[in-house]
């Protein structure tokens, strides 16, 4: 188990999704020797990465500020500051930012080979 320490604002790089939506990689497993990847994601109101997005790793999302909507199948939840959700790797999920938001994303684990 690794101990990874980062100062406020310390990150590896910023990904720009356009329209002001950005994602800062804070902890990256390959660079930090840690079994997870942590990002601070700042989607602008209306941002949606697509319907039924599937990630290859488990994902824990914590809403630090703003409001989001997350859907899986016919289940939809609206989460505000302090809200959180977990989705297993390989699970189709739709996400929409209802307000300018700031989220903590933790990606960890992976799908078994061949899935």
N, C-alpha and C. Protein backbone atom coordinates (compact mmCIF):
# COMPACT_ATOMS: atom_id res chain seq x y z
N UNK A 1 0.85 -1.17 0.00
CA UNK A 1 0.00 0.00 0.00
C UNK A 1 0.89 1.23 0.00
N UNK A 2 0.56 2.17 -0.84
CA UNK A 2 1.36 3.39 -1.00
C UNK A 2 0.77 4.54 -0.18
N UNK A 3 1.61 5.45 0.22
CA UNK A 3 1.18 6.71 0.81
C UNK A 3 1.49 7.77 -0.24
N UNK A 4 0.45 8.42 -0.75
CA UNK A 4 0.61 9.45 -1.77
C UNK A 4 0.12 10.76 -1.19
N UNK A 5 0.97 11.78 -1.21
CA UNK A 5 0.62 13.08 -0.65
C UNK A 5 0.73 14.14 -1.75
N UNK A 6 -0.30 14.95 -1.89
CA UNK A 6 -0.29 16.04 -2.87
C UNK A 6 -0.71 17.32 -2.16
N UNK A 7 -0.04 18.40 -2.48
CA UNK A 7 -0.41 19.71 -1.96
C UNK A 7 -1.63 20.22 -2.74
N UNK A 8 -2.38 21.14 -2.16
CA UNK A 8 -3.53 21.73 -2.83
C UNK A 8 -3.11 22.28 -4.19
N UNK A 9 -3.88 21.94 -5.22
CA UNK A 9 -3.60 22.43 -6.56
C UNK A 9 -2.58 21.63 -7.34
N UNK A 10 -1.90 20.68 -6.68
CA UNK A 10 -0.89 19.86 -7.35
C UNK A 10 -1.59 18.79 -8.19
N UNK A 11 -1.25 18.73 -9.48
CA UNK A 11 -1.91 17.81 -10.39
C UNK A 11 -0.96 17.39 -11.49
N UNK A 12 -1.34 16.34 -12.24
CA UNK A 12 -0.49 15.85 -13.33
C UNK A 12 -0.80 16.57 -14.64
N UNK A 13 -2.05 16.72 -14.97
CA UNK A 13 -2.42 17.52 -16.13
C UNK A 13 -3.92 17.77 -16.11
N UNK A 14 -4.35 18.73 -16.92
CA UNK A 14 -5.76 19.09 -17.02
C UNK A 14 -6.27 18.68 -18.40
N UNK A 15 -7.42 18.02 -18.42
CA UNK A 15 -8.08 17.67 -19.68
C UNK A 15 -9.23 18.63 -19.88
N UNK A 16 -9.30 19.23 -21.06
CA UNK A 16 -10.34 20.19 -21.41
C UNK A 16 -11.39 19.50 -22.27
N UNK A 17 -12.62 19.44 -21.78
CA UNK A 17 -13.73 18.82 -22.50
C UNK A 17 -14.47 19.83 -23.37
N UNK A 18 -14.06 21.10 -23.33
CA UNK A 18 -14.72 22.16 -24.08
C UNK A 18 -15.81 22.82 -23.26
N UNK A 19 -16.17 24.04 -23.62
CA UNK A 19 -17.24 24.76 -22.95
C UNK A 19 -16.96 25.07 -21.49
N UNK A 20 -15.70 25.01 -21.07
CA UNK A 20 -15.35 25.31 -19.69
C UNK A 20 -15.31 24.09 -18.78
N UNK A 21 -15.69 22.91 -19.28
CA UNK A 21 -15.64 21.68 -18.48
C UNK A 21 -14.23 21.13 -18.50
N UNK A 22 -13.64 20.93 -17.30
CA UNK A 22 -12.28 20.41 -17.21
C UNK A 22 -12.18 19.29 -16.18
N UNK A 23 -11.13 18.49 -16.30
CA UNK A 23 -10.83 17.43 -15.35
C UNK A 23 -9.35 17.50 -15.02
N UNK A 24 -9.02 17.63 -13.74
CA UNK A 24 -7.64 17.66 -13.28
C UNK A 24 -7.28 16.29 -12.71
N UNK A 25 -6.28 15.64 -13.27
CA UNK A 25 -5.80 14.38 -12.68
C UNK A 25 -4.93 14.74 -11.49
N UNK A 26 -5.30 14.22 -10.34
CA UNK A 26 -4.60 14.54 -9.11
C UNK A 26 -3.66 13.39 -8.73
N UNK A 27 -4.18 12.16 -8.73
CA UNK A 27 -3.39 10.98 -8.42
C UNK A 27 -3.57 10.00 -9.57
N UNK A 28 -2.47 9.55 -10.14
CA UNK A 28 -2.50 8.62 -11.26
C UNK A 28 -1.71 7.38 -10.85
N UNK A 29 -2.35 6.21 -10.96
CA UNK A 29 -1.72 4.99 -10.46
C UNK A 29 -0.33 4.76 -11.04
N UNK A 30 -0.15 4.93 -12.35
CA UNK A 30 1.14 4.66 -12.98
C UNK A 30 2.24 5.60 -12.47
N UNK A 31 1.89 6.84 -12.20
CA UNK A 31 2.89 7.82 -11.76
C UNK A 31 3.09 7.83 -10.24
N UNK A 32 2.04 7.51 -9.50
CA UNK A 32 2.09 7.64 -8.05
C UNK A 32 2.19 6.31 -7.30
N UNK A 33 2.20 5.19 -8.03
CA UNK A 33 2.31 3.89 -7.38
C UNK A 33 1.12 3.59 -6.48
N UNK A 34 -0.06 3.95 -6.92
CA UNK A 34 -1.28 3.82 -6.14
C UNK A 34 -2.31 3.03 -6.97
N UNK A 35 -3.16 2.19 -6.37
CA UNK A 35 -4.10 1.38 -7.15
C UNK A 35 -5.36 2.12 -7.61
N UNK A 36 -5.35 3.45 -7.56
CA UNK A 36 -6.53 4.20 -7.98
C UNK A 36 -6.10 5.45 -8.76
N UNK A 37 -7.07 6.07 -9.41
CA UNK A 37 -6.84 7.35 -10.07
C UNK A 37 -7.87 8.32 -9.51
N UNK A 38 -7.42 9.49 -9.08
CA UNK A 38 -8.31 10.49 -8.49
C UNK A 38 -8.29 11.73 -9.37
N UNK A 39 -9.48 12.25 -9.66
CA UNK A 39 -9.61 13.46 -10.46
C UNK A 39 -10.55 14.44 -9.76
N UNK A 40 -10.30 15.71 -10.00
CA UNK A 40 -11.26 16.76 -9.66
C UNK A 40 -11.89 17.15 -10.99
N UNK A 41 -13.18 16.91 -11.11
CA UNK A 41 -13.90 17.13 -12.37
C UNK A 41 -14.82 18.33 -12.17
N UNK A 42 -14.77 19.28 -13.11
CA UNK A 42 -15.54 20.52 -13.00
C UNK A 42 -16.43 20.69 -14.23
N UNK A 43 -17.55 19.95 -14.27
CA UNK A 43 -18.45 20.09 -15.42
C UNK A 43 -19.29 21.36 -15.32
N UNK A 44 -19.49 22.01 -16.45
CA UNK A 44 -20.37 23.17 -16.53
C UNK A 44 -21.81 22.68 -16.68
N UNK A 45 -22.77 23.49 -16.29
CA UNK A 45 -24.19 23.14 -16.40
C UNK A 45 -24.49 22.68 -17.82
N UNK A 46 -25.19 21.55 -17.93
CA UNK A 46 -25.57 21.01 -19.23
C UNK A 46 -24.59 19.99 -19.78
N UNK A 47 -23.40 19.86 -19.17
CA UNK A 47 -22.41 18.91 -19.69
C UNK A 47 -22.89 17.48 -19.52
N UNK A 48 -22.78 16.69 -20.59
CA UNK A 48 -23.09 15.26 -20.57
C UNK A 48 -22.07 14.56 -21.47
N UNK A 49 -21.29 13.61 -20.95
CA UNK A 49 -20.27 12.95 -21.77
C UNK A 49 -20.86 11.94 -22.76
N UNK A 50 -22.16 11.71 -22.68
CA UNK A 50 -22.83 10.75 -23.56
C UNK A 50 -23.75 9.86 -22.76
N UNK A 51 -24.63 9.17 -23.47
CA UNK A 51 -25.55 8.26 -22.79
C UNK A 51 -24.92 6.88 -22.63
N UNK A 52 -25.21 6.26 -21.51
CA UNK A 52 -24.77 4.90 -21.23
C UNK A 52 -23.25 4.72 -21.39
N UNK A 53 -22.50 5.64 -20.76
CA UNK A 53 -21.04 5.56 -20.76
C UNK A 53 -20.62 4.38 -19.89
N UNK A 54 -19.64 3.62 -20.36
CA UNK A 54 -19.14 2.47 -19.61
C UNK A 54 -17.67 2.68 -19.30
N UNK A 55 -17.31 2.62 -18.02
CA UNK A 55 -15.91 2.72 -17.60
C UNK A 55 -15.37 1.33 -17.33
N UNK A 56 -14.07 1.16 -17.53
CA UNK A 56 -13.43 -0.14 -17.32
C UNK A 56 -12.98 -0.34 -15.88
N UNK A 57 -13.18 0.69 -15.04
CA UNK A 57 -12.85 0.57 -13.62
C UNK A 57 -14.04 1.00 -12.77
N UNK A 58 -14.10 0.52 -11.54
CA UNK A 58 -15.11 0.98 -10.61
C UNK A 58 -14.95 2.48 -10.44
N UNK A 59 -16.07 3.17 -10.17
CA UNK A 59 -16.03 4.62 -10.05
C UNK A 59 -16.84 5.07 -8.84
N UNK A 60 -16.21 5.87 -7.98
CA UNK A 60 -16.88 6.52 -6.87
C UNK A 60 -16.88 8.01 -7.16
N UNK A 61 -18.06 8.63 -7.10
CA UNK A 61 -18.20 10.06 -7.38
C UNK A 61 -18.77 10.74 -6.14
N UNK A 62 -18.12 11.83 -5.71
CA UNK A 62 -18.60 12.65 -4.59
C UNK A 62 -18.82 14.06 -5.13
N UNK A 63 -20.04 14.59 -4.91
CA UNK A 63 -20.36 15.94 -5.35
C UNK A 63 -19.84 16.91 -4.30
N UNK A 64 -18.84 17.71 -4.69
CA UNK A 64 -18.28 18.70 -3.77
C UNK A 64 -19.11 19.98 -3.78
N UNK A 65 -19.63 20.34 -4.97
CA UNK A 65 -20.52 21.50 -5.10
C UNK A 65 -21.32 21.35 -6.39
N UNK A 66 -22.45 22.03 -6.44
CA UNK A 66 -23.30 21.98 -7.63
C UNK A 66 -24.37 20.91 -7.53
N UNK A 67 -24.91 20.53 -8.70
CA UNK A 67 -25.98 19.53 -8.74
C UNK A 67 -25.83 18.73 -10.03
N UNK A 68 -25.95 17.39 -9.90
CA UNK A 68 -25.84 16.49 -11.04
C UNK A 68 -27.01 15.53 -11.07
N UNK A 69 -27.21 14.92 -12.23
CA UNK A 69 -28.20 13.85 -12.37
C UNK A 69 -27.47 12.63 -12.91
N UNK A 70 -27.69 11.48 -12.29
CA UNK A 70 -27.07 10.24 -12.74
C UNK A 70 -28.18 9.23 -12.98
N UNK A 71 -28.08 8.50 -14.09
CA UNK A 71 -29.12 7.53 -14.47
C UNK A 71 -28.50 6.21 -14.88
N UNK A 72 -29.21 5.16 -14.54
CA UNK A 72 -28.87 3.81 -14.99
C UNK A 72 -30.20 3.13 -15.32
N UNK A 73 -30.39 2.79 -16.59
CA UNK A 73 -31.67 2.20 -16.99
C UNK A 73 -32.79 3.17 -16.71
N UNK A 74 -33.82 2.73 -15.98
CA UNK A 74 -34.95 3.60 -15.68
C UNK A 74 -34.85 4.27 -14.30
N UNK A 75 -33.67 4.15 -13.64
CA UNK A 75 -33.47 4.79 -12.34
C UNK A 75 -32.70 6.09 -12.54
N UNK A 76 -33.22 7.19 -11.98
CA UNK A 76 -32.56 8.49 -12.08
C UNK A 76 -32.49 9.12 -10.69
N UNK A 77 -31.32 9.68 -10.37
CA UNK A 77 -31.11 10.34 -9.08
C UNK A 77 -30.50 11.72 -9.31
N UNK A 78 -30.96 12.70 -8.54
CA UNK A 78 -30.38 14.04 -8.55
C UNK A 78 -29.60 14.18 -7.25
N UNK A 79 -28.32 14.58 -7.37
CA UNK A 79 -27.45 14.70 -6.21
C UNK A 79 -26.89 16.10 -6.12
N UNK A 80 -26.91 16.67 -4.91
CA UNK A 80 -26.32 17.96 -4.64
C UNK A 80 -25.06 17.80 -3.82
N UNK A 81 -24.56 18.90 -3.31
CA UNK A 81 -23.35 18.91 -2.51
C UNK A 81 -23.41 17.86 -1.40
N UNK A 82 -22.37 17.03 -1.33
CA UNK A 82 -22.31 15.95 -0.34
C UNK A 82 -22.88 14.64 -0.84
N UNK A 83 -23.60 14.67 -1.97
CA UNK A 83 -24.14 13.44 -2.54
C UNK A 83 -23.02 12.61 -3.14
N UNK A 84 -23.26 11.31 -3.25
CA UNK A 84 -22.25 10.43 -3.81
C UNK A 84 -22.91 9.24 -4.48
N UNK A 85 -22.20 8.65 -5.44
CA UNK A 85 -22.65 7.40 -6.03
C UNK A 85 -21.46 6.55 -6.42
N UNK A 86 -21.72 5.24 -6.48
CA UNK A 86 -20.72 4.25 -6.86
C UNK A 86 -21.30 3.45 -8.01
N UNK A 87 -20.47 3.18 -9.01
CA UNK A 87 -20.90 2.36 -10.13
C UNK A 87 -19.80 1.34 -10.43
N UNK A 88 -20.20 0.06 -10.56
CA UNK A 88 -19.25 -1.00 -10.89
C UNK A 88 -18.72 -0.83 -12.30
N UNK A 89 -17.50 -1.25 -12.52
CA UNK A 89 -16.91 -1.28 -13.86
C UNK A 89 -17.86 -2.03 -14.80
N UNK A 90 -18.01 -1.52 -16.02
CA UNK A 90 -18.83 -2.19 -17.02
C UNK A 90 -20.31 -1.86 -16.95
N UNK A 91 -20.72 -0.99 -16.02
CA UNK A 91 -22.13 -0.64 -15.87
C UNK A 91 -22.44 0.63 -16.66
N UNK A 92 -23.37 0.57 -17.63
CA UNK A 92 -23.72 1.77 -18.40
C UNK A 92 -24.40 2.81 -17.52
N UNK A 93 -23.89 4.04 -17.56
CA UNK A 93 -24.40 5.12 -16.72
C UNK A 93 -24.45 6.41 -17.54
N UNK A 94 -25.50 7.21 -17.32
CA UNK A 94 -25.62 8.52 -17.96
C UNK A 94 -25.53 9.59 -16.88
N UNK A 95 -24.72 10.60 -17.13
CA UNK A 95 -24.46 11.67 -16.17
C UNK A 95 -24.72 13.02 -16.86
N UNK A 96 -25.41 13.93 -16.16
CA UNK A 96 -25.63 15.29 -16.67
C UNK A 96 -25.39 16.26 -15.52
N UNK A 97 -24.64 17.32 -15.79
CA UNK A 97 -24.45 18.39 -14.80
C UNK A 97 -25.65 19.33 -14.89
N UNK A 98 -26.41 19.45 -13.82
CA UNK A 98 -27.57 20.34 -13.80
C UNK A 98 -27.17 21.77 -13.47
N UNK A 99 -26.04 21.92 -12.79
CA UNK A 99 -25.46 23.22 -12.45
C UNK A 99 -23.95 23.11 -12.66
N UNK A 100 -23.26 24.24 -12.71
CA UNK A 100 -21.80 24.19 -12.66
C UNK A 100 -21.46 23.43 -11.38
N UNK A 101 -20.59 22.43 -11.50
CA UNK A 101 -20.33 21.54 -10.36
C UNK A 101 -18.85 21.26 -10.20
N UNK A 102 -18.50 20.73 -9.04
CA UNK A 102 -17.16 20.22 -8.78
C UNK A 102 -17.32 18.85 -8.14
N UNK A 103 -16.68 17.85 -8.75
CA UNK A 103 -16.82 16.46 -8.31
C UNK A 103 -15.46 15.87 -8.01
N UNK A 104 -15.41 14.97 -7.03
CA UNK A 104 -14.24 14.17 -6.77
C UNK A 104 -14.51 12.80 -7.37
N UNK A 105 -13.66 12.34 -8.30
CA UNK A 105 -13.82 11.04 -8.95
C UNK A 105 -12.69 10.13 -8.50
N UNK A 106 -13.05 8.90 -8.10
CA UNK A 106 -12.06 7.89 -7.72
C UNK A 106 -12.31 6.67 -8.59
N UNK A 107 -11.38 6.39 -9.51
CA UNK A 107 -11.46 5.20 -10.35
C UNK A 107 -10.52 4.16 -9.76
N UNK A 108 -11.01 2.92 -9.58
CA UNK A 108 -10.18 1.87 -9.00
C UNK A 108 -10.70 0.51 -9.45
N UNK A 109 -9.87 -0.51 -9.32
CA UNK A 109 -10.25 -1.84 -9.74
C UNK A 109 -10.39 -1.90 -11.26
N UNK A 110 -10.69 -3.07 -11.78
CA UNK A 110 -10.85 -3.20 -13.22
C UNK A 110 -11.72 -4.40 -13.56
N UNK A 111 -12.19 -4.40 -14.80
CA UNK A 111 -12.95 -5.54 -15.28
C UNK A 111 -12.01 -6.73 -15.45
N UNK A 112 -12.51 -7.94 -15.25
CA UNK A 112 -11.67 -9.12 -15.53
C UNK A 112 -11.30 -9.15 -17.01
N UNK A 113 -10.15 -9.75 -17.30
CA UNK A 113 -9.68 -9.86 -18.70
C UNK A 113 -10.77 -10.41 -19.60
N UNK A 114 -10.94 -9.79 -20.76
CA UNK A 114 -11.89 -10.29 -21.74
C UNK A 114 -13.28 -9.70 -21.61
N UNK A 115 -13.52 -8.83 -20.64
CA UNK A 115 -14.86 -8.23 -20.50
C UNK A 115 -14.82 -6.78 -20.87
